[in-house]
Amino acid sequence: HTELYRGAEYVVDFLPKIKLELVVGDDLVEASMEAIIKA
């Protein structure tokens, strides 16, 4: 997106995100995905 700083417009190409990594047993995969999606 574009932002304005001290009157000058500039493009922010990369947006801040959070990457989560978790290892779960096969029995928790669907529940984990649903919890992440919902939250």
PDB file of all heavy atoms in Angstrom:
ATOM      1  N   HIS A   1       0.845  -1.187   0.000  1.00  0.00           N
ATOM      2  CA  HIS A   1       0.000   0.000   0.000  1.00  0.00           C
ATOM      3  C   HIS A   1       0.882   1.238   0.000  1.00  0.00           C
ATOM      4  O   HIS A   1       2.097   1.160   0.163  1.00  0.00           O
ATOM      5  CB  HIS A   1      -0.943  -0.006   1.205  1.00  0.00           C
ATOM      6  CG  HIS A   1      -0.234   0.067   2.520  1.00  0.00           C
ATOM      7  ND1 HIS A   1       0.264  -1.043   3.148  1.00  0.00           N
ATOM      8  CD2 HIS A   1       0.066   1.110   3.315  1.00  0.00           C
ATOM      9  CE1 HIS A   1       0.844  -0.684   4.293  1.00  0.00           C
ATOM     10  NE2 HIS A   1       0.734   0.625   4.415  1.00  0.00           N
ATOM     11  N   THR A   2       0.267   2.406  -0.177  1.00  0.00           N
ATOM     12  CA  THR A   2       1.027   3.659  -0.138  1.00  0.00           C
ATOM     13  C   THR A   2       0.766   4.364   1.183  1.00  0.00           C
ATOM     14  O   THR A   2      -0.317   4.262   1.759  1.00  0.00           O
ATOM     15  CB  THR A   2       0.643   4.593  -1.308  1.00  0.00           C
ATOM     16  OG1 THR A   2      -0.747   4.855  -1.224  1.00  0.00           O
ATOM     17  CG2 THR A   2       0.962   3.960  -2.648  1.00  0.00           C
ATOM     18  N   GLU A   3       1.780   5.058   1.680  1.00  0.00           N
ATOM     19  CA  GLU A   3       1.661   5.831   2.908  1.00  0.00           C
ATOM     20  C   GLU A   3       2.204   7.222   2.676  1.00  0.00           C
ATOM     21  O   GLU A   3       2.975   7.456   1.744  1.00  0.00           O
ATOM     22  CB  GLU A   3       2.438   5.149   4.047  1.00  0.00           C
ATOM     23  CG  GLU A   3       1.780   3.885   4.540  1.00  0.00           C
ATOM     24  CD  GLU A   3       2.438   3.340   5.803  1.00  0.00           C
ATOM     25  OE1 GLU A   3       3.353   3.995   6.347  1.00  0.00           O
ATOM     26  OE2 GLU A   3       2.032   2.259   6.227  1.00  0.00           O
ATOM     27  N   LEU A   4       1.819   8.133   3.542  1.00  0.00           N
ATOM     28  CA  LEU A   4       2.275   9.507   3.468  1.00  0.00           C
ATOM     29  C   LEU A   4       3.184   9.776   4.653  1.00  0.00           C
ATOM     30  O   LEU A   4       2.815   9.503   5.797  1.00  0.00           O
ATOM     31  CB  LEU A   4       1.058  10.439   3.503  1.00  0.00           C
ATOM     32  CG  LEU A   4       1.231  11.841   2.967  1.00  0.00           C
ATOM     33  CD1 LEU A   4       1.645  11.808   1.494  1.00  0.00           C
ATOM     34  CD2 LEU A   4      -0.063  12.620   3.120  1.00  0.00           C
ATOM     35  N   TYR A   5       4.396  10.264   4.417  1.00  0.00           N
ATOM     36  CA  TYR A   5       5.338  10.583   5.480  1.00  0.00           C
ATOM     37  C   TYR A   5       5.958  11.934   5.183  1.00  0.00           C
ATOM     38  O   TYR A   5       6.622  12.114   4.169  1.00  0.00           O
ATOM     39  CB  TYR A   5       6.416   9.498   5.593  1.00  0.00           C
ATOM     40  CG  TYR A   5       7.429   9.784   6.671  1.00  0.00           C
ATOM     41  CD1 TYR A   5       7.085   9.676   8.011  1.00  0.00           C
ATOM     42  CD2 TYR A   5       8.724  10.177   6.346  1.00  0.00           C
ATOM     43  CE1 TYR A   5       8.003   9.940   9.001  1.00  0.00           C
ATOM     44  CE2 TYR A   5       9.659  10.443   7.332  1.00  0.00           C
ATOM     45  CZ  TYR A   5       9.290  10.318   8.668  1.00  0.00           C
ATOM     46  OH  TYR A   5      10.208  10.594   9.659  1.00  0.00           O
ATOM     47  N   ARG A   6       5.716  12.897   6.067  1.00  0.00           N
ATOM     48  CA  ARG A   6       6.226  14.266   5.912  1.00  0.00           C
ATOM     49  C   ARG A   6       5.923  14.838   4.531  1.00  0.00           C
ATOM     50  O   ARG A   6       6.786  15.410   3.868  1.00  0.00           O
ATOM     51  CB  ARG A   6       7.720  14.312   6.195  1.00  0.00           C
ATOM     52  CG  ARG A   6       8.041  14.017   7.639  1.00  0.00           C
ATOM     53  CD  ARG A   6       9.480  14.285   7.939  1.00  0.00           C
ATOM     54  NE  ARG A   6       9.735  14.053   9.355  1.00  0.00           N
ATOM     55  CZ  ARG A   6      10.886  14.249   9.929  1.00  0.00           C
ATOM     56  NH1 ARG A   6      11.920  14.682   9.222  1.00  0.00           N
ATOM     57  NH2 ARG A   6      11.046  14.022  11.209  1.00  0.00           N
ATOM     58  N   GLY A   7       4.705  14.604   4.093  1.00  0.00           N
ATOM     59  CA  GLY A   7       4.268  15.159   2.825  1.00  0.00           C
ATOM     60  C   GLY A   7       4.670  14.368   1.597  1.00  0.00           C
ATOM     61  O   GLY A   7       4.245  14.675   0.492  1.00  0.00           O
ATOM     62  N   ALA A   8       5.495  13.362   1.770  1.00  0.00           N
ATOM     63  CA  ALA A   8       5.934  12.557   0.626  1.00  0.00           C
ATOM     64  C   ALA A   8       5.204  11.214   0.647  1.00  0.00           C
ATOM     65  O   ALA A   8       5.085  10.578   1.697  1.00  0.00           O
ATOM     66  CB  ALA A   8       7.438  12.333   0.676  1.00  0.00           C
ATOM     67  N   GLU A   9       4.719  10.802  -0.485  1.00  0.00           N
ATOM     68  CA  GLU A   9       4.031   9.521  -0.604  1.00  0.00           C
ATOM     69  C   GLU A   9       5.049   8.451  -0.987  1.00  0.00           C
ATOM     70  O   GLU A   9       5.900   8.679  -1.834  1.00  0.00           O
ATOM     71  CB  GLU A   9       2.948   9.626  -1.688  1.00  0.00           C
ATOM     72  CG  GLU A   9       2.001   8.457  -1.691  1.00  0.00           C
ATOM     73  CD  GLU A   9       0.857   8.665  -2.659  1.00  0.00           C
ATOM     74  OE1 GLU A   9      -0.129   9.332  -2.295  1.00  0.00           O
ATOM     75  OE2 GLU A   9       0.963   8.152  -3.785  1.00  0.00           O
ATOM     76  N   TYR A  10       4.983   7.313  -0.321  1.00  0.00           N
ATOM     77  CA  TYR A  10       5.878   6.208  -0.677  1.00  0.00           C
ATOM     78  C   TYR A  10       5.127   4.884  -0.599  1.00  0.00           C
ATOM     79  O   TYR A  10       4.108   4.769   0.067  1.00  0.00           O
ATOM     80  CB  TYR A  10       7.131   6.198   0.210  1.00  0.00           C
ATOM     81  CG  TYR A  10       6.883   5.898   1.663  1.00  0.00           C
ATOM     82  CD1 TYR A  10       7.083   4.614   2.168  1.00  0.00           C
ATOM     83  CD2 TYR A  10       6.454   6.885   2.538  1.00  0.00           C
ATOM     84  CE1 TYR A  10       6.863   4.328   3.489  1.00  0.00           C
ATOM     85  CE2 TYR A  10       6.224   6.607   3.873  1.00  0.00           C
ATOM     86  CZ  TYR A  10       6.434   5.332   4.341  1.00  0.00           C
ATOM     87  OH  TYR A  10       6.201   5.050   5.663  1.00  0.00           O
ATOM     88  N   VAL A  11       5.652   3.906  -1.307  1.00  0.00           N
ATOM     89  CA  VAL A  11       5.004   2.598  -1.407  1.00  0.00           C
ATOM     90  C   VAL A  11       5.618   1.643  -0.395  1.00  0.00           C
ATOM     91  O   VAL A  11       6.841   1.535  -0.300  1.00  0.00           O
ATOM     92  CB  VAL A  11       5.155   2.029  -2.838  1.00  0.00           C
ATOM     93  CG1 VAL A  11       4.548   0.635  -2.936  1.00  0.00           C
ATOM     94  CG2 VAL A  11       4.513   2.965  -3.849  1.00  0.00           C
ATOM     95  N   VAL A  12       4.766   0.961   0.351  1.00  0.00           N
ATOM     96  CA  VAL A  12       5.196  -0.098   1.261  1.00  0.00           C
ATOM     97  C   VAL A  12       4.882  -1.411   0.546  1.00  0.00           C
ATOM     98  O   VAL A  12       3.724  -1.809   0.447  1.00  0.00           O
ATOM     99  CB  VAL A  12       4.463  -0.014   2.615  1.00  0.00           C
ATOM    100  CG1 VAL A  12       4.882  -1.164   3.513  1.00  0.00           C
ATOM    101  CG2 VAL A  12       4.727   1.314   3.277  1.00  0.00           C
ATOM    102  N   ASP A  13       5.921  -2.050   0.003  1.00  0.00           N
ATOM    103  CA  ASP A  13       5.727  -3.282  -0.767  1.00  0.00           C
ATOM    104  C   ASP A  13       5.471  -4.493   0.121  1.00  0.00           C
ATOM    105  O   ASP A  13       4.661  -5.350  -0.200  1.00  0.00           O
ATOM    106  CB  ASP A  13       6.958  -3.568  -1.640  1.00  0.00           C
ATOM    107  CG  ASP A  13       7.093  -2.568  -2.769  1.00  0.00           C
ATOM    108  OD1 ASP A  13       6.053  -2.124  -3.290  1.00  0.00           O
ATOM    109  OD2 ASP A  13       8.229  -2.233  -3.119  1.00  0.00           O
ATOM    110  N   PHE A  14       6.193  -4.583   1.227  1.00  0.00           N
ATOM    111  CA  PHE A  14       6.083  -5.746   2.098  1.00  0.00           C
ATOM    112  C   PHE A  14       5.381  -5.345   3.386  1.00  0.00           C
ATOM    113  O   PHE A  14       5.816  -4.440   4.080  1.00  0.00           O
ATOM    114  CB  PHE A  14       7.478  -6.317   2.405  1.00  0.00           C
ATOM    115  CG  PHE A  14       8.164  -6.836   1.187  1.00  0.00           C
ATOM    116  CD1 PHE A  14       9.156  -6.088   0.563  1.00  0.00           C
ATOM    117  CD2 PHE A  14       7.821  -8.056   0.651  1.00  0.00           C
ATOM    118  CE1 PHE A  14       9.789  -6.564  -0.568  1.00  0.00           C
ATOM    119  CE2 PHE A  14       8.448  -8.541  -0.479  1.00  0.00           C
ATOM    120  CZ  PHE A  14       9.431  -7.793  -1.080  1.00  0.00           C
ATOM    121  N   LEU A  15       4.307  -6.055   3.698  1.00  0.00           N
ATOM    122  CA  LEU A  15       3.510  -5.752   4.878  1.00  0.00           C
ATOM    123  C   LEU A  15       3.924  -6.644   6.042  1.00  0.00           C
ATOM    124  O   LEU A  15       4.267  -7.814   5.846  1.00  0.00           O
ATOM    125  CB  LEU A  15       2.032  -5.969   4.559  1.00  0.00           C
ATOM    126  CG  LEU A  15       1.511  -5.129   3.395  1.00  0.00           C
ATOM    127  CD1 LEU A  15       0.105  -5.563   3.023  1.00  0.00           C
ATOM    128  CD2 LEU A  15       1.541  -3.661   3.753  1.00  0.00           C
ATOM    129  N   PRO A  16       3.882  -6.114   7.264  1.00  0.00           N
ATOM    130  CA  PRO A  16       4.247  -6.928   8.425  1.00  0.00           C
ATOM    131  C   PRO A  16       3.211  -8.014   8.675  1.00  0.00           C
ATOM    132  O   PRO A  16       2.003  -7.765   8.623  1.00  0.00           O
ATOM    133  CB  PRO A  16       4.286  -5.924   9.577  1.00  0.00           C
ATOM    134  CG  PRO A  16       3.457  -4.781   9.124  1.00  0.00           C
ATOM    135  CD  PRO A  16       3.530  -4.758   7.632  1.00  0.00           C
ATOM    136  N   LYS A  17       3.689  -9.209   8.923  1.00  0.00           N
ATOM    137  CA  LYS A  17       2.840 -10.367   9.220  1.00  0.00           C
ATOM    138  C   LYS A  17       3.471 -11.165  10.352  1.00  0.00           C
ATOM    139  O   LYS A  17       4.623 -10.939  10.719  1.00  0.00           O
ATOM    140  CB  LYS A  17       2.693 -11.272   7.991  1.00  0.00           C
ATOM    141  CG  LYS A  17       2.089 -10.613   6.769  1.00  0.00           C
ATOM    142  CD  LYS A  17       0.613 -10.387   6.935  1.00  0.00           C
ATOM    143  CE  LYS A  17       0.029  -9.772   5.670  1.00  0.00           C
ATOM    144  NZ  LYS A  17      -1.390  -9.550   5.795  1.00  0.00           N
ATOM    145  N   ILE A  18       2.738 -12.114  10.864  1.00  0.00           N
ATOM    146  CA  ILE A  18       3.234 -13.046  11.876  1.00  0.00           C
ATOM    147  C   ILE A  18       3.146 -14.447  11.282  1.00  0.00           C
ATOM    148  O   ILE A  18       2.122 -14.825  10.709  1.00  0.00           O
ATOM    149  CB  ILE A  18       2.390 -12.987  13.163  1.00  0.00           C
ATOM    150  CG1 ILE A  18       2.524 -11.629  13.839  1.00  0.00           C
ATOM    151  CG2 ILE A  18       2.760 -14.120  14.117  1.00  0.00           C
ATOM    152  CD1 ILE A  18       3.877 -11.352  14.456  1.00  0.00           C
ATOM    153  N   LYS A  19       4.233 -15.206  11.418  1.00  0.00           N
ATOM    154  CA  LYS A  19       4.234 -16.589  10.951  1.00  0.00           C
ATOM    155  C   LYS A  19       4.259 -17.505  12.171  1.00  0.00           C
ATOM    156  O   LYS A  19       5.147 -17.407  13.014  1.00  0.00           O
ATOM    157  CB  LYS A  19       5.456 -16.857  10.074  1.00  0.00           C
ATOM    158  CG  LYS A  19       5.523 -18.266   9.539  1.00  0.00           C
ATOM    159  CD  LYS A  19       6.747 -18.440   8.664  1.00  0.00           C
ATOM    160  CE  LYS A  19       6.886 -19.829   8.132  1.00  0.00           C
ATOM    161  NZ  LYS A  19       8.116 -19.980   7.342  1.00  0.00           N
ATOM    162  N   LEU A  20       3.267 -18.374  12.260  1.00  0.00           N
ATOM    163  CA  LEU A  20       3.193 -19.366  13.331  1.00  0.00           C
ATOM    164  C   LEU A  20       3.595 -20.715  12.768  1.00  0.00           C
ATOM    165  O   LEU A  20       3.191 -21.070  11.662  1.00  0.00           O
ATOM    166  CB  LEU A  20       1.761 -19.479  13.860  1.00  0.00           C
ATOM    167  CG  LEU A  20       1.083 -18.221  14.371  1.00  0.00           C
ATOM    168  CD1 LEU A  20      -0.364 -18.523  14.682  1.00  0.00           C
ATOM    169  CD2 LEU A  20       1.792 -17.724  15.592  1.00  0.00           C
ATOM    170  N   GLU A  21       4.360 -21.456  13.526  1.00  0.00           N
ATOM    171  CA  GLU A  21       4.727 -22.816  13.144  1.00  0.00           C
ATOM    172  C   GLU A  21       4.412 -23.725  14.323  1.00  0.00           C
ATOM    173  O   GLU A  21       4.815 -23.448  15.447  1.00  0.00           O
ATOM    174  CB  GLU A  21       6.209 -22.901  12.800  1.00  0.00           C
ATOM    175  CG  GLU A  21       6.598 -22.076  11.591  1.00  0.00           C
ATOM    176  CD  GLU A  21       8.088 -22.096  11.337  1.00  0.00           C
ATOM    177  OE1 GLU A  21       8.550 -23.010  10.638  1.00  0.00           O
ATOM    178  OE2 GLU A  21       8.775 -21.204  11.870  1.00  0.00           O
ATOM    179  N   LEU A  22       3.662 -24.792  14.059  1.00  0.00           N
ATOM    180  CA  LEU A  22       3.367 -25.752  15.104  1.00  0.00           C
ATOM    181  C   LEU A  22       3.316 -27.145  14.513  1.00  0.00           C
ATOM    182  O   LEU A  22       2.954 -27.322  13.355  1.00  0.00           O
ATOM    183  CB  LEU A  22       2.052 -25.419  15.812  1.00  0.00           C
ATOM    184  CG  LEU A  22       0.808 -25.176  14.979  1.00  0.00           C
ATOM    185  CD1 LEU A  22      -0.402 -25.713  15.722  1.00  0.00           C
ATOM    186  CD2 LEU A  22       0.633 -23.689  14.745  1.00  0.00           C
ATOM    187  N   VAL A  23       3.739 -28.108  15.302  1.00  0.00           N
ATOM    188  CA  VAL A  23       3.678 -29.511  14.896  1.00  0.00           C
ATOM    189  C   VAL A  23       2.677 -30.190  15.818  1.00  0.00           C
ATOM    190  O   VAL A  23       2.784 -30.097  17.043  1.00  0.00           O
ATOM    191  CB  VAL A  23       5.067 -30.189  14.988  1.00  0.00           C
ATOM    192  CG1 VAL A  23       4.955 -31.670  14.660  1.00  0.00           C
ATOM    193  CG2 VAL A  23       6.043 -29.501  14.050  1.00  0.00           C
ATOM    194  N   VAL A  24       1.696 -30.850  15.208  1.00  0.00           N
ATOM    195  CA  VAL A  24       0.632 -31.497  15.981  1.00  0.00           C
ATOM    196  C   VAL A  24       0.428 -32.920  15.488  1.00  0.00           C
ATOM    197  O   VAL A  24       0.784 -33.257  14.362  1.00  0.00           O
ATOM    198  CB  VAL A  24      -0.700 -30.711  15.883  1.00  0.00           C
ATOM    199  CG1 VAL A  24      -0.576 -29.335  16.493  1.00  0.00           C
ATOM    200  CG2 VAL A  24      -1.194 -30.623  14.455  1.00  0.00           C
ATOM    201  N   GLY A  25      -0.154 -33.732  16.345  1.00  0.00           N
ATOM    202  CA  GLY A  25      -0.522 -35.090  15.954  1.00  0.00           C
ATOM    203  C   GLY A  25      -1.650 -35.035  14.927  1.00  0.00           C
ATOM    204  O   GLY A  25      -2.373 -34.038  14.832  1.00  0.00           O
ATOM    205  N   ASP A  26      -1.792 -36.110  14.178  1.00  0.00           N
ATOM    206  CA  ASP A  26      -2.817 -36.147  13.135  1.00  0.00           C
ATOM    207  C   ASP A  26      -4.221 -35.882  13.679  1.00  0.00           C
ATOM    208  O   ASP A  26      -5.075 -35.344  12.974  1.00  0.00           O
ATOM    209  CB  ASP A  26      -2.782 -37.498  12.411  1.00  0.00           C
ATOM    210  CG  ASP A  26      -1.504 -37.668  11.598  1.00  0.00           C
ATOM    211  OD1 ASP A  26      -0.940 -36.650  11.158  1.00  0.00           O
ATOM    212  OD2 ASP A  26      -1.075 -38.820  11.398  1.00  0.00           O
ATOM    213  N   ASP A  27      -4.466 -36.224  14.944  1.00  0.00           N
ATOM    214  CA  ASP A  27      -5.782 -36.027  15.542  1.00  0.00           C
ATOM    215  C   ASP A  27      -6.113 -34.557  15.805  1.00  0.00           C
ATOM    216  O   ASP A  27      -7.272 -34.201  15.974  1.00  0.00           O
ATOM    217  CB  ASP A  27      -5.893 -36.828  16.843  1.00  0.00           C
ATOM    218  CG  ASP A  27      -4.809 -36.465  17.846  1.00  0.00           C
ATOM    219  OD1 ASP A  27      -3.694 -36.124  17.426  1.00  0.00           O
ATOM    220  OD2 ASP A  27      -5.089 -36.528  19.055  1.00  0.00           O
ATOM    221  N   LEU A  28      -5.099 -33.677  15.842  1.00  0.00           N
ATOM    222  CA  LEU A  28      -5.328 -32.260  16.131  1.00  0.00           C
ATOM    223  C   LEU A  28      -5.246 -31.351  14.907  1.00  0.00           C
ATOM    224  O   LEU A  28      -5.432 -30.146  15.027  1.00  0.00           O
ATOM    225  CB  LEU A  28      -4.302 -31.759  17.157  1.00  0.00           C
ATOM    226  CG  LEU A  28      -4.636 -31.951  18.623  1.00  0.00           C
ATOM    227  CD1 LEU A  28      -3.506 -31.426  19.507  1.00  0.00           C
ATOM    228  CD2 LEU A  28      -5.935 -31.278  18.992  1.00  0.00           C
ATOM    229  N   VAL A  29      -4.968 -31.916  13.740  1.00  0.00           N
ATOM    230  CA  VAL A  29      -4.745 -31.079  12.555  1.00  0.00           C
ATOM    231  C   VAL A  29      -5.982 -30.269  12.190  1.00  0.00           C
ATOM    232  O   VAL A  29      -5.923 -29.042  12.052  1.00  0.00           O
ATOM    233  CB  VAL A  29      -4.274 -31.930  11.349  1.00  0.00           C
ATOM    234  CG1 VAL A  29      -4.183 -31.083  10.086  1.00  0.00           C
ATOM    235  CG2 VAL A  29      -2.928 -32.559  11.644  1.00  0.00           C
ATOM    236  N   GLU A  30      -7.121 -30.938  12.031  1.00  0.00           N
ATOM    237  CA  GLU A  30      -8.344 -30.239  11.617  1.00  0.00           C
ATOM    238  C   GLU A  30      -8.773 -29.203  12.651  1.00  0.00           C
ATOM    239  O   GLU A  30      -9.133 -28.080  12.308  1.00  0.00           O
ATOM    240  CB  GLU A  30      -9.480 -31.239  11.373  1.00  0.00           C
ATOM    241  CG  GLU A  30      -9.292 -32.089  10.135  1.00  0.00           C
ATOM    242  CD  GLU A  30      -9.239 -31.278   8.842  1.00  0.00           C
ATOM    243  OE1 GLU A  30      -9.990 -30.294   8.713  1.00  0.00           O
ATOM    244  OE2 GLU A  30      -8.441 -31.644   7.969  1.00  0.00           O
ATOM    245  N   ALA A  31      -8.728 -29.583  13.925  1.00  0.00           N
ATOM    246  CA  ALA A  31      -9.130 -28.653  14.986  1.00  0.00           C
ATOM    247  C   ALA A  31      -8.202 -27.446  15.034  1.00  0.00           C
ATOM    248  O   ALA A  31      -8.646 -26.318  15.259  1.00  0.00           O
ATOM    249  CB  ALA A  31      -9.144 -29.373  16.336  1.00  0.00           C
ATOM    250  N   SER A  32      -6.906 -27.670  14.807  1.00  0.00           N
ATOM    251  CA  SER A  32      -5.946 -26.566  14.805  1.00  0.00           C
ATOM    252  C   SER A  32      -6.208 -25.604  13.657  1.00  0.00           C
ATOM    253  O   SER A  32      -6.200 -24.383  13.839  1.00  0.00           O
ATOM    254  CB  SER A  32      -4.514 -27.100  14.700  1.00  0.00           C
ATOM    255  OG  SER A  32      -4.186 -27.896  15.801  1.00  0.00           O
ATOM    256  N   MET A  33      -6.454 -26.141  12.472  1.00  0.00           N
ATOM    257  CA  MET A  33      -6.744 -25.284  11.325  1.00  0.00           C
ATOM    258  C   MET A  33      -8.029 -24.482  11.555  1.00  0.00           C
ATOM    259  O   MET A  33      -8.068 -23.283  11.278  1.00  0.00           O
ATOM    260  CB  MET A  33      -6.857 -26.115  10.045  1.00  0.00           C
ATOM    261  CG  MET A  33      -5.533 -26.676   9.582  1.00  0.00           C
ATOM    262  SD  MET A  33      -5.596 -27.432   7.943  1.00  0.00           S
ATOM    263  CE  MET A  33      -6.905 -28.610   8.099  1.00  0.00           C
ATOM    264  N   GLU A  34      -9.054 -25.131  12.079  1.00  0.00           N
ATOM    265  CA  GLU A  34     -10.317 -24.436  12.340  1.00  0.00           C
ATOM    266  C   GLU A  34     -10.131 -23.333  13.378  1.00  0.00           C
ATOM    267  O   GLU A  34     -10.694 -22.243  13.249  1.00  0.00           O
ATOM    268  CB  GLU A  34     -11.382 -25.424  12.791  1.00  0.00           C
ATOM    269  CG  GLU A  34     -11.872 -26.325  11.675  1.00  0.00           C
ATOM    270  CD  GLU A  34     -12.816 -27.417  12.154  1.00  0.00           C
ATOM    271  OE1 GLU A  34     -13.363 -27.299  13.278  1.00  0.00           O
ATOM    272  OE2 GLU A  34     -13.010 -28.386  11.408  1.00  0.00           O
ATOM    273  N   ALA A  35      -9.338 -23.605  14.419  1.00  0.00           N
ATOM    274  CA  ALA A  35      -9.096 -22.603  15.458  1.00  0.00           C
ATOM    275  C   ALA A  35      -8.362 -21.395  14.887  1.00  0.00           C
ATOM    276  O   ALA A  35      -8.705 -20.246  15.199  1.00  0.00           O
ATOM    277  CB  ALA A  35      -8.291 -23.224  16.608  1.00  0.00           C
ATOM    278  N   ILE A  36      -7.371 -21.642  14.043  1.00  0.00           N
ATOM    279  CA  ILE A  36      -6.625 -20.541  13.429  1.00  0.00           C
ATOM    280  C   ILE A  36      -7.539 -19.726  12.517  1.00  0.00           C
ATOM    281  O   ILE A  36      -7.555 -18.486  12.571  1.00  0.00           O
ATOM    282  CB  ILE A  36      -5.398 -21.071  12.651  1.00  0.00           C
ATOM    283  CG1 ILE A  36      -4.383 -21.684  13.602  1.00  0.00           C
ATOM    284  CG2 ILE A  36      -4.752 -19.937  11.834  1.00  0.00           C
ATOM    285  CD1 ILE A  36      -3.288 -22.494  12.921  1.00  0.00           C
ATOM    286  N   ILE A  37      -8.308 -20.409  11.694  1.00  0.00           N
ATOM    287  CA  ILE A  37      -9.206 -19.710  10.765  1.00  0.00           C
ATOM    288  C   ILE A  37     -10.206 -18.845  11.531  1.00  0.00           C
ATOM    289  O   ILE A  37     -10.403 -17.666  11.214  1.00  0.00           O
ATOM    290  CB  ILE A  37      -9.945 -20.712   9.855  1.00  0.00           C
ATOM    291  CG1 ILE A  37      -8.957 -21.359   8.876  1.00  0.00           C
ATOM    292  CG2 ILE A  37     -11.086 -20.032   9.095  1.00  0.00           C
ATOM    293  CD1 ILE A  37      -9.509 -22.568   8.148  1.00  0.00           C
ATOM    294  N   LYS A  38     -10.821 -19.418  12.546  1.00  0.00           N
ATOM    295  CA  LYS A  38     -11.834 -18.686  13.306  1.00  0.00           C
ATOM    296  C   LYS A  38     -11.227 -17.474  14.021  1.00  0.00           C
ATOM    297  O   LYS A  38     -11.808 -16.389  14.014  1.00  0.00           O
ATOM    298  CB  LYS A  38     -12.491 -19.625  14.314  1.00  0.00           C
ATOM    299  CG  LYS A  38     -13.645 -19.011  15.059  1.00  0.00           C
ATOM    300  CD  LYS A  38     -14.313 -20.026  15.972  1.00  0.00           C
ATOM    301  CE  LYS A  38     -15.435 -19.378  16.758  1.00  0.00           C
ATOM    302  NZ  LYS A  38     -16.044 -20.286  17.717  1.00  0.00           N
ATOM    303  N   ALA A  39     -10.059 -17.645  14.631  1.00  0.00           N
ATOM    304  CA  ALA A  39      -9.454 -16.564  15.414  1.00  0.00           C
ATOM    305  C   ALA A  39      -8.793 -15.500  14.538  1.00  0.00           C
ATOM    306  O   ALA A  39      -8.743 -14.331  14.925  1.00  0.00           O
ATOM    307  CB  ALA A  39      -8.433 -17.143  16.391  1.00  0.00           C
TER     308      ALA A  39
END
